[in-house]
Amino acid sequence: MKANNFGDALSLIPRLTKEEREQIQKEEEAKKLSEKNSLLARKWSYFKSNMPKKLERTKLAPFTNKAGRPSDNQIRIIEDIKINGLLQPKSSVFHGTVGLGKTWFSSALGRGWMINNLDKWCRFITESDFVKVSKNSDHFFNDVCTDDILIFDDVTGDGENGMLEKWDAKKVRQMLFDRFENNRITVITTNMSIEALKEYLGNRIWSRMRGAKTTFINFGNSQDLREVEK
């Protein structure tokens, strides 16, 4: 049977059944999910490449003792994190004495930000590792400067054998200046006092941190929790 006009020609084209349309939709959704999971896998590999393996399963939850009770200080810290809007990416400084969960919480936040912001690339690295790698790689230094989100852990100004060399400290300041100058999200964790951190970074960086509306979370001076069961 020949079609006499365009309408007749269209009528000859086989139409998809409901089942076929549903199958196509399922395949398209599966493809999108596969692409999303593949992207997340690449982002996760990038994020954890310089992160201690023990932090790979961190979550935004307080440490608990053997009786299952969290410390009041850690509950307060989580409330501070939520109140200050840090469940969304935001530059911040986590400061306080050792062993209170600054690294733990910052890695948990970074992981959440990475998952919930597929267009953002997030890196975790300590100050000492940054210095070691960037010494021999300008490309790495530039990458850290331009990452969408940086968790910059354990900023102390100390090297393994004392204070960082002047050139190393200069590179740290140069990187942080570039990030805050361009309003790139940067989380610093440090055992230093606010006064000591300000002196170490200098007024130029400090002014830009303030301009970027950096949030300061005080972890306090409570008991070291490193031996508490997670």
Protein backbone atom coordinates (compact mmCIF):
# COMPACT_ATOMS: atom_id res chain seq x y z
CA MET A 1 0.00 0.00 0.00
CA LYS A 2 1.47 3.34 -1.08
CA ALA A 3 1.11 6.51 0.95
CA ASN A 4 -0.76 9.27 -0.90
CA ASN A 5 0.53 12.13 1.30
CA PHE A 6 2.86 12.97 4.17
CA GLY A 7 0.24 12.01 6.79
CA ASP A 8 -0.17 8.60 5.23
CA ALA A 9 3.61 8.16 5.19
CA LEU A 10 3.83 8.90 8.91
CA SER A 11 1.12 6.38 9.63
CA LEU A 12 3.33 3.69 8.12
CA ILE A 13 6.14 4.28 10.66
CA PRO A 14 5.93 1.67 13.46
CA ARG A 15 5.13 3.20 16.86
CA LEU A 16 6.90 2.21 20.06
CA THR A 17 4.88 0.27 22.54
CA LYS A 18 4.58 1.43 26.14
CA GLU A 19 6.95 -1.32 27.20
CA GLU A 20 9.53 -0.26 24.60
CA ARG A 21 9.35 3.39 25.70
CA GLU A 22 9.81 2.37 29.34
CA GLN A 23 12.80 0.21 28.40
CA ILE A 24 14.44 3.09 26.52
CA GLN A 25 13.86 5.38 29.51
CA LYS A 26 15.43 2.83 31.87
CA GLU A 27 18.48 2.51 29.61
CA GLU A 28 18.91 6.29 29.45
CA GLU A 29 18.65 6.57 33.25
CA ALA A 30 21.13 3.72 33.69
CA LYS A 31 23.55 5.47 31.32
CA LYS A 32 23.27 8.75 33.25
CA LEU A 33 23.80 6.93 36.56
CA SER A 34 26.83 5.12 35.17
CA GLU A 35 28.32 8.41 33.95
CA LYS A 36 27.66 10.04 37.35
CA ASN A 37 29.27 7.13 39.23
CA SER A 38 32.26 7.21 36.89
CA LEU A 39 32.71 10.95 37.50
CA LEU A 40 32.39 10.48 41.27
CA ALA A 41 34.98 7.70 41.19
CA ARG A 42 37.45 10.00 39.39
CA LYS A 43 36.73 12.87 41.77
CA TRP A 44 37.11 10.62 44.82
CA SER A 45 40.43 9.27 43.55
CA TYR A 46 41.62 12.85 43.03
CA PHE A 47 40.43 13.99 46.47
CA LYS A 48 42.03 11.17 48.45
CA SER A 49 45.32 10.93 46.53
CA ASN A 50 47.14 12.87 49.29
CA MET A 51 44.87 11.92 52.18
CA PRO A 52 45.65 9.38 54.94
CA LYS A 53 43.88 6.11 54.22
CA LYS A 54 42.31 6.05 57.70
CA LEU A 55 40.18 9.06 56.70
CA GLU A 56 38.56 7.42 53.69
CA ARG A 57 35.40 6.53 55.61
CA THR A 58 34.95 9.75 57.52
CA LYS A 59 31.48 11.14 58.08
CA LEU A 60 30.12 14.21 59.79
CA ALA A 61 29.44 12.57 63.13
CA PRO A 62 31.04 13.00 66.55
CA PHE A 63 33.55 10.51 67.92
CA THR A 64 32.16 8.36 70.69
CA ASN A 65 33.78 6.63 73.65
CA LYS A 66 33.49 2.91 74.37
CA ALA A 67 30.11 3.52 76.00
CA GLY A 68 28.90 5.10 72.76
CA ARG A 69 28.68 8.65 74.14
CA PRO A 70 30.09 11.59 72.12
CA SER A 71 31.89 14.44 73.84
CA ASP A 72 30.00 17.68 74.48
CA ASN A 73 32.76 19.55 72.65
CA GLN A 74 32.30 17.55 69.45
CA ILE A 75 28.52 17.99 69.54
CA ARG A 76 29.13 21.73 69.89
CA ILE A 77 31.55 21.66 66.93
CA ILE A 78 28.98 20.00 64.67
CA GLU A 79 26.39 22.58 65.67
CA ASP A 80 28.88 25.35 64.88
CA ILE A 81 29.56 23.79 61.47
CA LYS A 82 25.85 23.66 60.68
CA ILE A 83 25.05 27.12 62.05
CA ASN A 84 27.83 28.66 59.96
CA GLY A 85 26.51 27.05 56.77
CA LEU A 86 29.46 24.74 56.21
CA LEU A 87 27.30 21.91 54.91
CA GLN A 88 27.78 23.84 51.65
CA PRO A 89 31.27 24.70 50.34
CA LYS A 90 32.71 27.69 52.20
CA SER A 91 36.20 28.90 53.09
CA SER A 92 36.99 28.29 56.74
CA VAL A 93 39.69 27.84 59.35
CA PHE A 94 39.46 24.98 61.87
CA HIS A 95 41.73 25.85 64.80
CA GLY A 96 42.39 24.38 68.23
CA THR A 97 44.68 21.97 70.05
CA VAL A 98 45.73 18.59 68.68
CA GLY A 99 43.46 15.55 68.50
CA LEU A 100 40.05 17.26 68.47
CA GLY A 101 38.94 16.16 65.00
CA LYS A 102 39.89 19.10 62.78
CA THR A 103 41.30 16.86 60.06
CA TRP A 104 38.51 14.32 60.50
CA PHE A 105 35.71 16.87 60.13
CA SER A 106 37.35 18.78 57.27
CA SER A 107 37.82 15.57 55.26
CA ALA A 108 34.18 14.62 55.92
CA LEU A 109 32.96 18.02 54.75
CA GLY A 110 35.17 17.90 51.67
CA ARG A 111 33.81 14.49 50.75
CA GLY A 112 30.23 15.72 51.11
CA TRP A 113 30.94 18.83 49.06
CA MET A 114 32.51 16.71 46.34
CA ILE A 115 29.49 14.40 46.11
CA ASN A 116 26.90 17.19 46.17
CA ASN A 117 28.70 19.48 43.71
CA LEU A 118 29.56 17.44 40.64
CA ASP A 119 31.01 20.48 38.86
CA LYS A 120 33.57 21.06 41.63
CA TRP A 121 36.92 19.31 42.03
CA CYS A 122 38.20 19.00 45.58
CA ARG A 123 41.69 18.18 46.86
CA PHE A 124 42.91 17.21 50.34
CA ILE A 125 46.57 17.78 51.19
CA THR A 126 48.70 18.60 54.21
CA GLU A 127 51.02 21.60 54.27
CA SER A 128 54.10 19.35 54.49
CA ASP A 129 53.01 17.20 51.50
CA PHE A 130 52.22 20.31 49.48
CA VAL A 131 55.73 21.63 50.11
CA LYS A 132 57.39 18.31 49.24
CA VAL A 133 55.56 17.80 45.94
CA SER A 134 55.49 21.40 44.75
CA LYS A 135 59.26 21.72 45.18
CA ASN A 136 59.78 19.75 41.99
CA SER A 137 56.55 20.42 40.12
CA ASP A 138 55.31 23.81 38.99
CA HIS A 139 52.38 22.02 37.36
CA PHE A 140 51.31 20.57 40.71
CA PHE A 141 51.67 23.97 42.38
CA ASN A 142 49.44 25.56 39.75
CA ASP A 143 46.87 22.77 40.09
CA VAL A 144 46.60 23.35 43.84
CA CYS A 145 46.21 27.09 43.23
CA THR A 146 43.28 26.52 40.89
CA ASP A 147 41.43 23.57 42.47
CA ASP A 148 37.78 24.48 43.07
CA ILE A 149 38.00 23.37 46.71
CA LEU A 150 41.12 22.77 48.81
CA ILE A 151 41.31 21.15 52.23
CA PHE A 152 44.73 22.39 53.43
CA ASP A 153 45.48 20.33 56.51
CA ASP A 154 47.83 20.79 59.45
CA VAL A 155 49.19 24.25 58.71
CA THR A 156 51.97 24.74 61.24
CA GLY A 157 54.85 26.45 59.50
CA ASP A 158 56.96 23.51 60.71
CA GLY A 159 58.90 21.06 58.60
CA GLU A 160 60.00 17.63 59.71
CA ASN A 161 63.22 19.15 61.09
CA GLY A 162 61.93 22.46 62.36
CA MET A 163 60.55 25.55 60.68
CA LEU A 164 59.93 25.45 56.95
CA GLU A 165 62.64 26.93 54.79
CA LYS A 166 61.86 30.51 53.80
CA TRP A 167 61.31 29.45 50.20
CA ASP A 168 58.85 26.72 51.25
CA ALA A 169 56.87 29.08 53.44
CA LYS A 170 56.87 31.59 50.60
CA LYS A 171 55.28 29.01 48.29
CA VAL A 172 52.62 28.22 50.88
CA ARG A 173 51.79 31.92 51.19
CA GLN A 174 51.87 32.40 47.44
CA MET A 175 49.42 29.54 46.91
CA LEU A 176 47.03 30.73 49.63
CA PHE A 177 47.23 34.32 48.42
CA ASP A 178 46.27 33.22 44.91
CA ARG A 179 43.35 31.13 46.18
CA PHE A 180 41.87 33.78 48.46
CA GLU A 181 42.53 36.54 45.93
CA ASN A 182 40.42 34.59 43.43
CA ASN A 183 37.86 33.59 46.08
CA ARG A 184 38.49 29.85 45.71
CA ILE A 185 37.08 27.79 48.56
CA THR A 186 39.86 26.93 50.99
CA VAL A 187 39.66 25.12 54.34
CA ILE A 188 42.68 25.44 56.62
CA THR A 189 43.16 23.23 59.68
CA THR A 190 45.77 24.27 62.21
CA ASN A 191 46.94 23.78 65.79
CA MET A 192 48.25 27.34 65.78
CA SER A 193 46.52 30.13 67.65
CA ILE A 194 44.72 32.69 65.51
CA GLU A 195 47.40 35.25 66.35
CA ALA A 196 50.22 32.89 65.33
CA LEU A 197 48.43 31.87 62.12
CA LYS A 198 47.90 35.52 61.19
CA GLU A 199 51.57 36.25 61.77
CA TYR A 200 52.64 33.23 59.71
CA LEU A 201 50.39 34.03 56.73
CA GLY A 202 50.86 37.79 56.80
CA ASN A 203 48.47 40.71 56.45
CA ARG A 204 48.04 40.42 52.66
CA ILE A 205 46.61 36.91 52.91
CA TRP A 206 44.72 37.64 56.12
CA SER A 207 42.97 40.60 54.54
CA ARG A 208 41.89 38.49 51.57
CA MET A 209 40.70 35.69 53.84
CA ARG A 210 38.47 38.20 55.59
CA GLY A 211 37.33 39.53 52.21
CA ALA A 212 36.36 35.99 51.22
CA LYS A 213 34.19 35.85 54.37
CA THR A 214 36.19 32.98 55.85
CA THR A 215 34.48 31.26 58.77
CA PHE A 216 36.52 30.42 61.89
CA ILE A 217 35.55 27.30 63.87
CA ASN A 218 37.20 26.99 67.28
CA PHE A 219 37.70 23.33 68.23
CA GLY A 220 38.83 24.42 71.69
CA ASN A 221 41.40 23.01 74.06
CA SER A 222 39.74 19.79 75.20
CA GLN A 223 41.27 16.36 75.76
CA ASP A 224 43.04 14.69 72.81
CA LEU A 225 40.56 12.29 71.18
CA ARG A 226 42.97 10.33 68.97
CA GLU A 227 42.63 7.24 71.14
CA VAL A 228 38.82 7.38 71.23
CA GLU A 229 37.11 4.68 69.21
CA LYS A 230 35.54 5.99 66.02
